[in-house]
């Protein structure tokens, strides 16, 4: 009703903005996607029946758990999704979990999954005009049994091109910095161009070398070779795209990581008995540097899709800055379940999540922020470490892309179908993808309701 001078009042027809339709308004599709993997689930049961991860309270009035407390400053843009099960994680208990997390498919005969990961599906949709289709980075990756190499035990990203090939993450922070931001420093442009020319000449040589051996290869090896060449050409293309600084696209502070060996996993032992204390001590510094570069890669429109892996499902590195001299897998179950030490580790990861979200939220796009236009998905390969149980998965979403509504805790008790494949469908829907199924259809009954 509109009221004028005196007692004049004019009734208005019902409008969507007056009622619940205001909440359910059509939203602009999300523009950016970030996935963040952390190993080993959470403390869903501390041995005394206490869940140290699950918040308490109602959907919109809730108190974060001890593990999630570091996220309190950004709670209003956080969506806690409890009660879902990773039913499609069929196979070796850790490997099947990390494969299914973003693909919703089962492990195939001890290998990888049978479909693409959602980040690559989204990248094909939203990164069409970016220099890079997607960015995959990892901190202290390739530990334990994978010995620094790509393996079903440590991969979360899979191609959306019919091959579903695993995509290795980039590990060297200095190399990532040079490739993404070398052109942003006007005082060093000559040196950067020299480095760029040198890299391109190396890539040209590798490309020609592979083409020369191609005729002698069988069909399977030739297919693998072509996939590898495609990656090299994609890298060459990205080198040609010079990023220009703007009010929001700025050079991240370069960090000295000379004390960090990004390929130390090559020297790892199956049981984690070989420790690289110097590299492990540098993890917090390197992790922050990686997150700063990830945020600027999005702010500079270098890419619209990024993945960050904190280690892998082995997680066989130490945490000296937390006073923990054993590896994470030891505290999960190799040395007997240690809920106190595990909670220390998960709480530290929550602190890193908070930092990443606050940095995304600090990029002002003019009335909105980078986080507001994005969807961030935090996940892991299992729920409860000692049992490897995958019900009640500790999933978090954040941002406002596609109408995602934060500041909520969805308990999902009694949900008819708690399969996390349905959540993957709902995330894709936030990007304007209208499909109703994703991953193995045996574990998907339609989009999970409640994100918007």
Foldseek 3Di string as FASTA:
>chain_A
DDDDPDGDDDDDPDDCCVDPSVLVPFAFFFQFEEEEADADAACCDQPPRDGQAAWDDAWQDTDGGPLQVLQVVVQQFKEWEWFFFAVQLPDPLQLSLLQCPQFVHYQDPQFHGQAFGLLQVLLVVRFPPALASEAEEEAQALAAPSLLDDGSQFFNGFHHPRPRHTDDHDFDLVVLLLLQCVLADPVCNVVSVVVLVVVVVVLVVVLVVLVVCLVVDDPVVNVVSVVVNVVSVSSNSSSVDRQYDDPQQHRPDDDDPVQADRRCSNVHHNQLPDASVSNLACRVVSLVSVLSSVLNCCSSRNYRYYYYYYYGNVQSYANVVLPGHGGPLCCLCVVHPPNVVSSSVSSVVSNSVSVSLVSQQPRDPDPGTNQQSYKYKYFYRAHRRNVSGRTGGRIMIGHQQLNFGGSTYHHCPPPPQSHCQLCSQQSVVSNVDNDFGGYDNVRGDGHDPDRD
